[in-house]
Amino acid sequence: MTELEQIVINALEDLKAKDIVEIDVANLTEIMDKLVIASGTSSRHVKSLAQNVASEAKAAGFMPLGMEGETQGEWVLVDFGDIVVHVMTPATRSFYDLEKLWSEAPRTRLNQTDEP
């Protein structure tokens, strides 16, 4: 696991993200190497998680290329180039089902909860 990956995971875990999954898409696309997908319990939680990821990464010298979705907070994307972080509410995550979209890619479930 790279330093940035560890920072991202720690930032999500620090604020109690749900069902963190890392998907290795390096062999399926040239756009990025890894997707990190996590759920927040509410739009406010989703926004806080994404902000924590960006803040912790910046503090370590990794600048996000962009962030999208902070206004609504249903799905916030933090783009680091090689790693793209998706933080979503459970309903949004279920609806878009990115894990199924990238079903051929190896994945690591980093934490799991019984909650939806």
PDB file of N, CA and C in Angstrom:
ATOM      1  N   MET A   1       0.857  -1.179   0.000  1.00  0.00           N
ATOM      2  CA  MET A   1       0.000   0.000   0.000  1.00  0.00           C
ATOM      3  C   MET A   1       0.899   1.237   0.000  1.00  0.00           C
ATOM      4  N   THR A   2       0.596   2.166  -0.898  1.00  0.00           N
ATOM      5  CA  THR A   2       1.390   3.386  -0.988  1.00  0.00           C
ATOM      6  C   THR A   2       1.087   4.320   0.188  1.00  0.00           C
ATOM      7  N   GLU A   3       1.938   5.312   0.349  1.00  0.00           N
ATOM      8  CA  GLU A   3       1.737   6.286   1.427  1.00  0.00           C
ATOM      9  C   GLU A   3       0.402   7.014   1.271  1.00  0.00           C
ATOM     10  N   LEU A   4       0.086   7.433   0.047  1.00  0.00           N
ATOM     11  CA  LEU A   4      -1.176   8.129  -0.182  1.00  0.00           C
ATOM     12  C   LEU A   4      -2.372   7.223   0.116  1.00  0.00           C
ATOM     13  N   GLU A   5      -2.304   5.970  -0.304  1.00  0.00           N
ATOM     14  CA  GLU A   5      -3.397   5.033  -0.009  1.00  0.00           C
ATOM     15  C   GLU A   5      -3.610   4.929   1.497  1.00  0.00           C
ATOM     16  N   GLN A   6      -2.522   4.809   2.253  1.00  0.00           N
ATOM     17  CA  GLN A   6      -2.625   4.685   3.701  1.00  0.00           C
ATOM     18  C   GLN A   6      -3.220   5.941   4.327  1.00  0.00           C
ATOM     19  N   ILE A   7      -2.825   7.098   3.814  1.00  0.00           N
ATOM     20  CA  ILE A   7      -3.375   8.371   4.307  1.00  0.00           C
ATOM     21  C   ILE A   7      -4.882   8.425   4.053  1.00  0.00           C
ATOM     22  N   VAL A   8      -5.288   8.055   2.847  1.00  0.00           N
ATOM     23  CA  VAL A   8      -6.711   8.063   2.483  1.00  0.00           C
ATOM     24  C   VAL A   8      -7.502   7.136   3.396  1.00  0.00           C
ATOM     25  N   ILE A   9      -7.023   5.913   3.557  1.00  0.00           N
ATOM     26  CA  ILE A   9      -7.727   4.924   4.386  1.00  0.00           C
ATOM     27  C   ILE A   9      -7.795   5.403   5.835  1.00  0.00           C
ATOM     28  N   ASN A  10      -6.683   5.890   6.365  1.00  0.00           N
ATOM     29  CA  ASN A  10      -6.672   6.376   7.745  1.00  0.00           C
ATOM     30  C   ASN A  10      -7.629   7.546   7.936  1.00  0.00           C
ATOM     31  N   ALA A  11      -7.664   8.454   6.961  1.00  0.00           N
ATOM     32  CA  ALA A  11      -8.558   9.616   7.060  1.00  0.00           C
ATOM     33  C   ALA A  11     -10.019   9.177   7.066  1.00  0.00           C
ATOM     34  N   LEU A  12     -10.340   8.171   6.284  1.00  0.00           N
ATOM     35  CA  LEU A  12     -11.708   7.649   6.263  1.00  0.00           C
ATOM     36  C   LEU A  12     -12.031   6.926   7.573  1.00  0.00           C
ATOM     37  N   GLU A  13     -11.111   6.097   8.023  1.00  0.00           N
ATOM     38  CA  GLU A  13     -11.340   5.352   9.264  1.00  0.00           C
ATOM     39  C   GLU A  13     -11.419   6.274  10.477  1.00  0.00           C
ATOM     40  N   ASP A  14     -10.627   7.349  10.480  1.00  0.00           N
ATOM     41  CA  ASP A  14     -10.625   8.288  11.606  1.00  0.00           C
ATOM     42  C   ASP A  14     -12.006   8.873  11.865  1.00  0.00           C
ATOM     43  N   LEU A  15     -12.777   9.080  10.789  1.00  0.00           N
ATOM     44  CA  LEU A  15     -14.115   9.657  10.937  1.00  0.00           C
ATOM     45  C   LEU A  15     -15.211   8.609  10.760  1.00  0.00           C
ATOM     46  N   LYS A  16     -14.842   7.346  10.920  1.00  0.00           N
ATOM     47  CA  LYS A  16     -15.809   6.239  10.963  1.00  0.00           C
ATOM     48  C   LYS A  16     -16.574   6.013   9.659  1.00  0.00           C
ATOM     49  N   ALA A  17     -15.843   6.043   8.537  1.00  0.00           N
ATOM     50  CA  ALA A  17     -16.463   5.688   7.260  1.00  0.00           C
ATOM     51  C   ALA A  17     -16.925   4.235   7.315  1.00  0.00           C
ATOM     52  N   LYS A  18     -17.951   3.924   6.569  1.00  0.00           N
ATOM     53  CA  LYS A  18     -18.517   2.575   6.520  1.00  0.00           C
ATOM     54  C   LYS A  18     -18.094   1.873   5.234  1.00  0.00           C
ATOM     55  N   ASP A  19     -17.864   0.573   5.332  1.00  0.00           N
ATOM     56  CA  ASP A  19     -17.615  -0.289   4.166  1.00  0.00           C
ATOM     57  C   ASP A  19     -16.593   0.281   3.184  1.00  0.00           C
ATOM     58  N   ILE A  20     -15.387   0.478   3.645  1.00  0.00           N
ATOM     59  CA  ILE A  20     -14.310   0.985   2.791  1.00  0.00           C
ATOM     60  C   ILE A  20     -13.806  -0.155   1.909  1.00  0.00           C
ATOM     61  N   VAL A  21     -13.784   0.108   0.603  1.00  0.00           N
ATOM     62  CA  VAL A  21     -13.308  -0.881  -0.368  1.00  0.00           C
ATOM     63  C   VAL A  21     -12.296  -0.202  -1.275  1.00  0.00           C
ATOM     64  N   GLU A  22     -11.191  -0.902  -1.514  1.00  0.00           N
ATOM     65  CA  GLU A  22     -10.194  -0.421  -2.461  1.00  0.00           C
ATOM     66  C   GLU A  22     -10.206  -1.361  -3.661  1.00  0.00           C
ATOM     67  N   ILE A  23     -10.320  -0.791  -4.857  1.00  0.00           N
ATOM     68  CA  ILE A  23     -10.387  -1.583  -6.090  1.00  0.00           C
ATOM     69  C   ILE A  23      -9.191  -1.228  -6.966  1.00  0.00           C
ATOM     70  N   ASP A  24      -8.448  -2.237  -7.363  1.00  0.00           N
ATOM     71  CA  ASP A  24      -7.267  -2.056  -8.202  1.00  0.00           C
ATOM     72  C   ASP A  24      -7.700  -2.130  -9.670  1.00  0.00           C
ATOM     73  N   VAL A  25      -7.741  -0.975 -10.320  1.00  0.00           N
ATOM     74  CA  VAL A  25      -8.201  -0.905 -11.710  1.00  0.00           C
ATOM     75  C   VAL A  25      -7.055  -0.635 -12.693  1.00  0.00           C
ATOM     76  N   ALA A  26      -5.826  -0.751 -12.220  1.00  0.00           N
ATOM     77  CA  ALA A  26      -4.661  -0.421 -13.045  1.00  0.00           C
ATOM     78  C   ALA A  26      -4.611  -1.213 -14.345  1.00  0.00           C
ATOM     79  N   ASN A  27      -5.056  -2.457 -14.333  1.00  0.00           N
ATOM     80  CA  ASN A  27      -5.024  -3.278 -15.551  1.00  0.00           C
ATOM     81  C   ASN A  27      -6.254  -3.105 -16.435  1.00  0.00           C
ATOM     82  N   LEU A  28      -7.206  -2.286 -15.984  1.00  0.00           N
ATOM     83  CA  LEU A  28      -8.440  -2.099 -16.742  1.00  0.00           C
ATOM     84  C   LEU A  28      -8.581  -0.710 -17.354  1.00  0.00           C
ATOM     85  N   THR A  29      -7.809   0.247 -16.861  1.00  0.00           N
ATOM     86  CA  THR A  29      -7.884   1.611 -17.381  1.00  0.00           C
ATOM     87  C   THR A  29      -6.540   2.310 -17.200  1.00  0.00           C
ATOM     88  N   GLU A  30      -6.285   3.271 -18.051  1.00  0.00           N
ATOM     89  CA  GLU A  30      -5.064   4.066 -17.923  1.00  0.00           C
ATOM     90  C   GLU A  30      -5.316   5.349 -17.144  1.00  0.00           C
ATOM     91  N   ILE A  31      -6.549   5.597 -16.787  1.00  0.00           N
ATOM     92  CA  ILE A  31      -6.926   6.845 -16.126  1.00  0.00           C
ATOM     93  C   ILE A  31      -6.481   6.885 -14.676  1.00  0.00           C
ATOM     94  N   MET A  32      -6.556   5.746 -13.985  1.00  0.00           N
ATOM     95  CA  MET A  32      -6.211   5.685 -12.565  1.00  0.00           C
ATOM     96  C   MET A  32      -5.752   4.274 -12.239  1.00  0.00           C
ATOM     97  N   ASP A  33      -5.158   4.135 -11.045  1.00  0.00           N
ATOM     98  CA  ASP A  33      -4.715   2.826 -10.586  1.00  0.00           C
ATOM     99  C   ASP A  33      -5.662   2.222  -9.561  1.00  0.00           C
ATOM    100  N   LYS A  34      -6.182   3.074  -8.671  1.00  0.00           N
ATOM    101  CA  LYS A  34      -7.015   2.583  -7.581  1.00  0.00           C
ATOM    102  C   LYS A  34      -8.246   3.440  -7.399  1.00  0.00           C
ATOM    103  N   LEU A  35      -9.335   2.773  -7.013  1.00  0.00           N
ATOM    104  CA  LEU A  35     -10.552   3.438  -6.557  1.00  0.00           C
ATOM    105  C   LEU A  35     -10.700   3.105  -5.081  1.00  0.00           C
ATOM    106  N   VAL A  36     -11.017   4.083  -4.289  1.00  0.00           N
ATOM    107  CA  VAL A  36     -11.374   3.831  -2.901  1.00  0.00           C
ATOM    108  C   VAL A  36     -12.811   4.301  -2.750  1.00  0.00           C
ATOM    109  N   ILE A  37     -13.669   3.397  -2.295  1.00  0.00           N
ATOM    110  CA  ILE A  37     -15.092   3.703  -2.152  1.00  0.00           C
ATOM    111  C   ILE A  37     -15.455   3.514  -0.685  1.00  0.00           C
ATOM    112  N   ALA A  38     -16.180   4.497  -0.139  1.00  0.00           N
ATOM    113  CA  ALA A  38     -16.608   4.411   1.258  1.00  0.00           C
ATOM    114  C   ALA A  38     -17.974   5.065   1.393  1.00  0.00           C
ATOM    115  N   SER A  39     -18.678   4.687   2.453  1.00  0.00           N
ATOM    116  CA  SER A  39     -19.992   5.275   2.725  1.00  0.00           C
ATOM    117  C   SER A  39     -19.947   6.109   3.988  1.00  0.00           C
ATOM    118  N   GLY A  40     -20.759   7.167   3.968  1.00  0.00           N
ATOM    119  CA  GLY A  40     -21.006   7.965   5.155  1.00  0.00           C
ATOM    120  C   GLY A  40     -22.449   7.754   5.562  1.00  0.00           C
ATOM    121  N   THR A  41     -22.783   8.088   6.792  1.00  0.00           N
ATOM    122  CA  THR A  41     -24.120   7.828   7.301  1.00  0.00           C
ATOM    123  C   THR A  41     -25.136   8.896   6.913  1.00  0.00           C
ATOM    124  N   SER A  42     -24.652  10.043   6.443  1.00  0.00           N
ATOM    125  CA  SER A  42     -25.521  11.150   6.038  1.00  0.00           C
ATOM    126  C   SER A  42     -24.736  12.034   5.079  1.00  0.00           C
ATOM    127  N   SER A  43     -25.417  12.982   4.439  1.00  0.00           N
ATOM    128  CA  SER A  43     -24.701  13.882   3.529  1.00  0.00           C
ATOM    129  C   SER A  43     -23.654  14.696   4.290  1.00  0.00           C
ATOM    130  N   ARG A  44     -23.956  15.083   5.513  1.00  0.00           N
ATOM    131  CA  ARG A  44     -22.976  15.829   6.333  1.00  0.00           C
ATOM    132  C   ARG A  44     -21.753  14.958   6.618  1.00  0.00           C
ATOM    133  N   HIS A  45     -21.985  13.686   6.935  1.00  0.00           N
ATOM    134  CA  HIS A  45     -20.884  12.757   7.199  1.00  0.00           C
ATOM    135  C   HIS A  45     -20.054  12.540   5.938  1.00  0.00           C
ATOM    136  N   VAL A  46     -20.713  12.391   4.792  1.00  0.00           N
ATOM    137  CA  VAL A  46     -20.010  12.221   3.520  1.00  0.00           C
ATOM    138  C   VAL A  46     -19.100  13.417   3.256  1.00  0.00           C
ATOM    139  N   LYS A  47     -19.623  14.616   3.423  1.00  0.00           N
ATOM    140  CA  LYS A  47     -18.815  15.830   3.217  1.00  0.00           C
ATOM    141  C   LYS A  47     -17.618  15.858   4.169  1.00  0.00           C
ATOM    142  N   SER A  48     -17.849  15.526   5.433  1.00  0.00           N
ATOM    143  CA  SER A  48     -16.771  15.533   6.431  1.00  0.00           C
ATOM    144  C   SER A  48     -15.696  14.512   6.089  1.00  0.00           C
ATOM    145  N   LEU A  49     -16.111  13.331   5.664  1.00  0.00           N
ATOM    146  CA  LEU A  49     -15.147  12.299   5.281  1.00  0.00           C
ATOM    147  C   LEU A  49     -14.269  12.765   4.122  1.00  0.00           C
ATOM    148  N   ALA A  50     -14.893  13.302   3.091  1.00  0.00           N
ATOM    149  CA  ALA A  50     -14.135  13.756   1.917  1.00  0.00           C
ATOM    150  C   ALA A  50     -13.201  14.907   2.278  1.00  0.00           C
ATOM    151  N   GLN A  51     -13.677  15.830   3.093  1.00  0.00           N
ATOM    152  CA  GLN A  51     -12.832  16.944   3.527  1.00  0.00           C
ATOM    153  C   GLN A  51     -11.650  16.442   4.345  1.00  0.00           C
ATOM    154  N   ASN A  52     -11.880  15.443   5.185  1.00  0.00           N
ATOM    155  CA  ASN A  52     -10.786  14.892   5.986  1.00  0.00           C
ATOM    156  C   ASN A  52      -9.749  14.213   5.100  1.00  0.00           C
ATOM    157  N   VAL A  53     -10.201  13.494   4.087  1.00  0.00           N
ATOM    158  CA  VAL A  53      -9.275  12.868   3.137  1.00  0.00           C
ATOM    159  C   VAL A  53      -8.418  13.941   2.468  1.00  0.00           C
ATOM    160  N   ALA A  54      -9.057  14.990   1.961  1.00  0.00           N
ATOM    161  CA  ALA A  54      -8.317  16.059   1.277  1.00  0.00           C
ATOM    162  C   ALA A  54      -7.355  16.763   2.232  1.00  0.00           C
ATOM    163  N   SER A  55      -7.810  17.066   3.435  1.00  0.00           N
ATOM    164  CA  SER A  55      -6.976  17.785   4.412  1.00  0.00           C
ATOM    165  C   SER A  55      -5.764  16.962   4.843  1.00  0.00           C
ATOM    166  N   GLU A  56      -6.001  15.692   5.148  1.00  0.00           N
ATOM    167  CA  GLU A  56      -4.894  14.829   5.586  1.00  0.00           C
ATOM    168  C   GLU A  56      -3.880  14.621   4.461  1.00  0.00           C
ATOM    169  N   ALA A  57      -4.375  14.465   3.249  1.00  0.00           N
ATOM    170  CA  ALA A  57      -3.472  14.294   2.110  1.00  0.00           C
ATOM    171  C   ALA A  57      -2.654  15.568   1.880  1.00  0.00           C
ATOM    172  N   LYS A  58      -3.315  16.720   1.921  1.00  0.00           N
ATOM    173  CA  LYS A  58      -2.600  17.989   1.743  1.00  0.00           C
ATOM    174  C   LYS A  58      -1.529  18.163   2.802  1.00  0.00           C
ATOM    175  N   ALA A  59      -1.851  17.820   4.040  1.00  0.00           N
ATOM    176  CA  ALA A  59      -0.889  17.950   5.143  1.00  0.00           C
ATOM    177  C   ALA A  59       0.353  17.086   4.914  1.00  0.00           C
ATOM    178  N   ALA A  60       0.194  15.993   4.182  1.00  0.00           N
ATOM    179  CA  ALA A  60       1.308  15.100   3.882  1.00  0.00           C
ATOM    180  C   ALA A  60       1.974  15.428   2.542  1.00  0.00           C
ATOM    181  N   GLY A  61       1.498  16.480   1.874  1.00  0.00           N
ATOM    182  CA  GLY A  61       2.105  16.903   0.619  1.00  0.00           C
ATOM    183  C   GLY A  61       1.465  16.358  -0.642  1.00  0.00           C
ATOM    184  N   PHE A  62       0.316  15.729  -0.527  1.00  0.00           N
ATOM    185  CA  PHE A  62      -0.405  15.202  -1.684  1.00  0.00           C
ATOM    186  C   PHE A  62      -1.593  16.113  -1.975  1.00  0.00           C
ATOM    187  N   MET A  63      -1.524  16.840  -3.067  1.00  0.00           N
ATOM    188  CA  MET A  63      -2.591  17.776  -3.403  1.00  0.00           C
ATOM    189  C   MET A  63      -3.630  17.116  -4.302  1.00  0.00           C
ATOM    190  N   PRO A  64      -4.897  17.180  -3.913  1.00  0.00           N
ATOM    191  CA  PRO A  64      -5.942  16.651  -4.795  1.00  0.00           C
ATOM    192  C   PRO A  64      -5.981  17.436  -6.101  1.00  0.00           C
ATOM    193  N   LEU A  65      -6.227  16.733  -7.197  1.00  0.00           N
ATOM    194  CA  LEU A  65      -6.380  17.405  -8.483  1.00  0.00           C
ATOM    195  C   LEU A  65      -7.736  18.096  -8.561  1.00  0.00           C
ATOM    196  N   GLY A  66      -8.693  17.584  -7.788  1.00  0.00           N
ATOM    197  CA  GLY A  66     -10.020  18.175  -7.772  1.00  0.00           C
ATOM    198  C   GLY A  66     -10.932  17.461  -6.804  1.00  0.00           C
ATOM    199  N   MET A  67     -12.008  18.160  -6.452  1.00  0.00           N
ATOM    200  CA  MET A  67     -13.072  17.589  -5.624  1.00  0.00           C
ATOM    201  C   MET A  67     -14.388  17.987  -6.245  1.00  0.00           C
ATOM    202  N   GLU A  68     -15.330  17.061  -6.255  1.00  0.00           N
ATOM    203  CA  GLU A  68     -16.657  17.340  -6.800  1.00  0.00           C
ATOM    204  C   GLU A  68     -17.717  16.788  -5.870  1.00  0.00           C
ATOM    205  N   GLY A  69     -18.845  17.478  -5.788  1.00  0.00           N
ATOM    206  CA  GLY A  69     -19.993  16.974  -5.065  1.00  0.00           C
ATOM    207  C   GLY A  69     -20.153  17.456  -3.643  1.00  0.00           C
ATOM    208  N   GLU A  70     -19.265  18.358  -3.195  1.00  0.00           N
ATOM    209  CA  GLU A  70     -19.323  18.810  -1.802  1.00  0.00           C
ATOM    210  C   GLU A  70     -20.607  19.552  -1.475  1.00  0.00           C
ATOM    211  N   THR A  71     -21.203  20.209  -2.447  1.00  0.00           N
ATOM    212  CA  THR A  71     -22.393  21.013  -2.186  1.00  0.00           C
ATOM    213  C   THR A  71     -23.557  20.150  -1.717  1.00  0.00           C
ATOM    214  N   GLN A  72     -23.846  19.075  -2.430  1.00  0.00           N
ATOM    215  CA  GLN A  72     -24.980  18.222  -2.076  1.00  0.00           C
ATOM    216  C   GLN A  72     -24.607  17.175  -1.043  1.00  0.00           C
ATOM    217  N   GLY A  73     -23.420  16.608  -1.162  1.00  0.00           N
ATOM    218  CA  GLY A  73     -22.961  15.647  -0.176  1.00  0.00           C
ATOM    219  C   GLY A  73     -23.501  14.239  -0.309  1.00  0.00           C
ATOM    220  N   GLU A  74     -24.178  13.935  -1.398  1.00  0.00           N
ATOM    221  CA  GLU A  74     -24.647  12.564  -1.611  1.00  0.00           C
ATOM    222  C   GLU A  74     -23.519  11.680  -2.143  1.00  0.00           C
ATOM    223  N   TRP A  75     -22.635  12.299  -2.928  1.00  0.00           N
ATOM    224  CA  TRP A  75     -21.500  11.606  -3.519  1.00  0.00           C
ATOM    225  C   TRP A  75     -20.403  12.649  -3.705  1.00  0.00           C
ATOM    226  N   VAL A  76     -19.319  12.488  -2.975  1.00  0.00           N
ATOM    227  CA  VAL A  76     -18.186  13.406  -3.107  1.00  0.00           C
ATOM    228  C   VAL A  76     -17.006  12.614  -3.652  1.00  0.00           C
ATOM    229  N   LEU A  77     -16.405  13.146  -4.705  1.00  0.00           N
ATOM    230  CA  LEU A  77     -15.260  12.522  -5.348  1.00  0.00           C
ATOM    231  C   LEU A  77     -14.026  13.360  -5.051  1.00  0.00           C
ATOM    232  N   VAL A  78     -12.952  12.706  -4.620  1.00  0.00           N
ATOM    233  CA  VAL A  78     -11.673  13.372  -4.409  1.00  0.00           C
ATOM    234  C   VAL A  78     -10.674  12.701  -5.345  1.00  0.00           C
ATOM    235  N   ASP A  79     -10.149  13.471  -6.287  1.00  0.00           N
ATOM    236  CA  ASP A  79      -9.277  12.934  -7.339  1.00  0.00           C
ATOM    237  C   ASP A  79      -7.819  13.263  -7.042  1.00  0.00           C
ATOM    238  N   PHE A  80      -7.012  12.207  -6.871  1.00  0.00           N
ATOM    239  CA  PHE A  80      -5.569  12.367  -6.680  1.00  0.00           C
ATOM    240  C   PHE A  80      -4.796  11.883  -7.909  1.00  0.00           C
ATOM    241  N   GLY A  81      -5.475  11.680  -9.008  1.00  0.00           N
ATOM    242  CA  GLY A  81      -4.812  11.173 -10.210  1.00  0.00           C
ATOM    243  C   GLY A  81      -4.794   9.655 -10.208  1.00  0.00           C
ATOM    244  N   ASP A  82      -3.773   9.068  -9.590  1.00  0.00           N
ATOM    245  CA  ASP A  82      -3.662   7.611  -9.543  1.00  0.00           C
ATOM    246  C   ASP A  82      -4.702   6.975  -8.628  1.00  0.00           C
ATOM    247  N   ILE A  83      -5.162   7.732  -7.635  1.00  0.00           N
ATOM    248  CA  ILE A  83      -6.181   7.244  -6.698  1.00  0.00           C
ATOM    249  C   ILE A  83      -7.377   8.187  -6.749  1.00  0.00           C
ATOM    250  N   VAL A  84      -8.547   7.612  -6.924  1.00  0.00           N
ATOM    251  CA  VAL A  84      -9.780   8.400  -6.915  1.00  0.00           C
ATOM    252  C   VAL A  84     -10.646   7.876  -5.775  1.00  0.00           C
ATOM    253  N   VAL A  85     -11.057   8.782  -4.889  1.00  0.00           N
ATOM    254  CA  VAL A  85     -11.835   8.427  -3.713  1.00  0.00           C
ATOM    255  C   VAL A  85     -13.289   8.828  -3.942  1.00  0.00           C
ATOM    256  N   HIS A  86     -14.199   7.884  -3.709  1.00  0.00           N
ATOM    257  CA  HIS A  86     -15.636   8.122  -3.825  1.00  0.00           C
ATOM    258  C   HIS A  86     -16.241   7.914  -2.446  1.00  0.00           C
ATOM    259  N   VAL A  87     -16.844   8.961  -1.890  1.00  0.00           N
ATOM    260  CA  VAL A  87     -17.533   8.847  -0.602  1.00  0.00           C
ATOM    261  C   VAL A  87     -19.002   9.132  -0.872  1.00  0.00           C
ATOM    262  N   MET A  88     -19.870   8.183  -0.485  1.00  0.00           N
ATOM    263  CA  MET A  88     -21.287   8.286  -0.841  1.00  0.00           C
ATOM    264  C   MET A  88     -22.191   7.924   0.328  1.00  0.00           C
ATOM    265  N   THR A  89     -23.423   8.402   0.246  1.00  0.00           N
ATOM    266  CA  THR A  89     -24.436   7.903   1.167  1.00  0.00           C
ATOM    267  C   THR A  89     -24.756   6.463   0.739  1.00  0.00           C
ATOM    268  N   PRO A  90     -25.255   5.635   1.650  1.00  0.00           N
ATOM    269  CA  PRO A  90     -25.571   4.246   1.274  1.00  0.00           C
ATOM    270  C   PRO A  90     -26.547   4.142   0.100  1.00  0.00           C
ATOM    271  N   ALA A  91     -27.559   4.997   0.033  1.00  0.00           N
ATOM    272  CA  ALA A  91     -28.533   4.929  -1.068  1.00  0.00           C
ATOM    273  C   ALA A  91     -27.875   5.247  -2.407  1.00  0.00           C
ATOM    274  N   THR A  92     -27.019   6.252  -2.431  1.00  0.00           N
ATOM    275  CA  THR A  92     -26.326   6.628  -3.665  1.00  0.00           C
ATOM    276  C   THR A  92     -25.361   5.523  -4.083  1.00  0.00           C
ATOM    277  N   ARG A  93     -24.656   4.982  -3.108  1.00  0.00           N
ATOM    278  CA  ARG A  93     -23.707   3.901  -3.405  1.00  0.00           C
ATOM    279  C   ARG A  93     -24.431   2.688  -3.976  1.00  0.00           C
ATOM    280  N   SER A  94     -25.550   2.353  -3.412  1.00  0.00           N
ATOM    281  CA  SER A  94     -26.334   1.218  -3.896  1.00  0.00           C
ATOM    282  C   SER A  94     -26.872   1.478  -5.306  1.00  0.00           C
ATOM    283  N   PHE A  95     -27.344   2.686  -5.550  1.00  0.00           N
ATOM    284  CA  PHE A  95     -27.921   3.025  -6.849  1.00  0.00           C
ATOM    285  C   PHE A  95     -26.877   2.959  -7.970  1.00  0.00           C
ATOM    286  N   TYR A  96     -25.703   3.559  -7.750  1.00  0.00           N
ATOM    287  CA  TYR A  96     -24.682   3.604  -8.807  1.00  0.00           C
ATOM    288  C   TYR A  96     -23.811   2.351  -8.848  1.00  0.00           C
ATOM    289  N   ASP A  97     -23.689   1.644  -7.749  1.00  0.00           N
ATOM    290  CA  ASP A  97     -23.027   0.343  -7.663  1.00  0.00           C
ATOM    291  C   ASP A  97     -21.694   0.285  -8.427  1.00  0.00           C
ATOM    292  N   LEU A  98     -20.762   1.147  -8.043  1.00  0.00           N
ATOM    293  CA  LEU A  98     -19.453   1.176  -8.690  1.00  0.00           C
ATOM    294  C   LEU A  98     -18.703  -0.140  -8.537  1.00  0.00           C
ATOM    295  N   GLU A  99     -18.936  -0.832  -7.423  1.00  0.00           N
ATOM    296  CA  GLU A  99     -18.268  -2.119  -7.228  1.00  0.00           C
ATOM    297  C   GLU A  99     -18.659  -3.097  -8.341  1.00  0.00           C
ATOM    298  N   LYS A 100     -19.908  -3.086  -8.762  1.00  0.00           N
ATOM    299  CA  LYS A 100     -20.349  -3.974  -9.842  1.00  0.00           C
ATOM    300  C   LYS A 100     -19.754  -3.522 -11.180  1.00  0.00           C
ATOM    301  N   LEU A 101     -19.701  -2.217 -11.391  1.00  0.00           N
ATOM    302  CA  LEU A 101     -19.131  -1.676 -12.619  1.00  0.00           C
ATOM    303  C   LEU A 101     -17.686  -2.148 -12.811  1.00  0.00           C
ATOM    304  N   TRP A 102     -16.936  -2.219 -11.710  1.00  0.00           N
ATOM    305  CA  TRP A 102     -15.543  -2.644 -11.745  1.00  0.00           C
ATOM    306  C   TRP A 102     -15.401  -4.068 -11.198  1.00  0.00           C
ATOM    307  N   SER A 103     -16.363  -4.917 -11.472  1.00  0.00           N
ATOM    308  CA  SER A 103     -16.403  -6.260 -10.879  1.00  0.00           C
ATOM    309  C   SER A 103     -15.223  -7.150 -11.288  1.00  0.00           C
ATOM    310  N   GLU A 104     -14.597  -6.865 -12.403  1.00  0.00           N
ATOM    311  CA  GLU A 104     -13.466  -7.673 -12.855  1.00  0.00           C
ATOM    312  C   GLU A 104     -12.169  -7.321 -12.150  1.00  0.00           C
ATOM    313  N   ALA A 105     -12.151  -6.218 -11.422  1.00  0.00           N
ATOM    314  CA  ALA A 105     -10.925  -5.742 -10.783  1.00  0.00           C
ATOM    315  C   ALA A 105     -10.757  -6.354  -9.394  1.00  0.00           C
ATOM    316  N   PRO A 106      -9.498  -6.641  -9.028  1.00  0.00           N
ATOM    317  CA  PRO A 106      -9.243  -7.132  -7.671  1.00  0.00           C
ATOM    318  C   PRO A 106      -9.618  -6.061  -6.643  1.00  0.00           C
ATOM    319  N   ARG A 107     -10.152  -6.497  -5.515  1.00  0.00           N
ATOM    320  CA  ARG A 107     -10.573  -5.536  -4.495  1.00  0.00           C
ATOM    321  C   ARG A 107     -10.167  -6.003  -3.117  1.00  0.00           C
ATOM    322  N   THR A 108     -10.058  -5.033  -2.245  1.00  0.00           N
ATOM    323  CA  THR A 108      -9.758  -5.292  -0.848  1.00  0.00           C
ATOM    324  C   THR A 108     -10.809  -4.588  -0.017  1.00  0.00           C
ATOM    325  N   ARG A 109     -11.541  -5.351   0.791  1.00  0.00           N
ATOM    326  CA  ARG A 109     -12.517  -4.753   1.713  1.00  0.00           C
ATOM    327  C   ARG A 109     -11.751  -4.416   2.979  1.00  0.00           C
ATOM    328  N   LEU A 110     -11.666  -3.119   3.296  1.00  0.00           N
ATOM    329  CA  LEU A 110     -10.836  -2.674   4.397  1.00  0.00           C
ATOM    330  C   LEU A 110     -11.581  -2.609   5.721  1.00  0.00           C
ATOM    331  N   ASN A 111     -12.847  -2.422   5.684  1.00  0.00           N
ATOM    332  CA  ASN A 111     -13.682  -2.551   6.877  1.00  0.00           C
ATOM    333  C   ASN A 111     -15.083  -2.862   6.397  1.00  0.00           C
ATOM    334  N   GLN A 112     -15.869  -3.427   7.238  1.00  0.00           N
ATOM    335  CA  GLN A 112     -17.229  -3.790   6.840  1.00  0.00           C
ATOM    336  C   GLN A 112     -18.127  -3.644   8.040  1.00  0.00           C
ATOM    337  N   THR A 113     -19.310  -3.113   7.791  1.00  0.00           N
ATOM    338  CA  THR A 113     -20.285  -2.974   8.859  1.00  0.00           C
ATOM    339  C   THR A 113     -21.530  -3.741   8.473  1.00  0.00           C
ATOM    340  N   ASP A 114     -22.376  -3.968   9.440  1.00  0.00           N
ATOM    341  CA  ASP A 114     -23.657  -4.627   9.170  1.00  0.00           C
ATOM    342  C   ASP A 114     -24.702  -3.651   8.682  1.00  0.00           C
ATOM    343  N   GLU A 115     -24.401  -2.370   8.772  1.00  0.00           N
ATOM    344  CA  GLU A 115     -25.360  -1.347   8.362  1.00  0.00           C
ATOM    345  C   GLU A 115     -25.383  -1.235   6.847  1.00  0.00           C
ATOM    346  N   PRO A 116     -26.509  -0.824   6.245  1.00  0.00           N
ATOM    347  CA  PRO A 116     -26.574  -0.680   4.783  1.00  0.00           C
ATOM    348  C   PRO A 116     -25.735   0.469   4.298  1.00  0.00           C
TER     349      PRO A 116
END
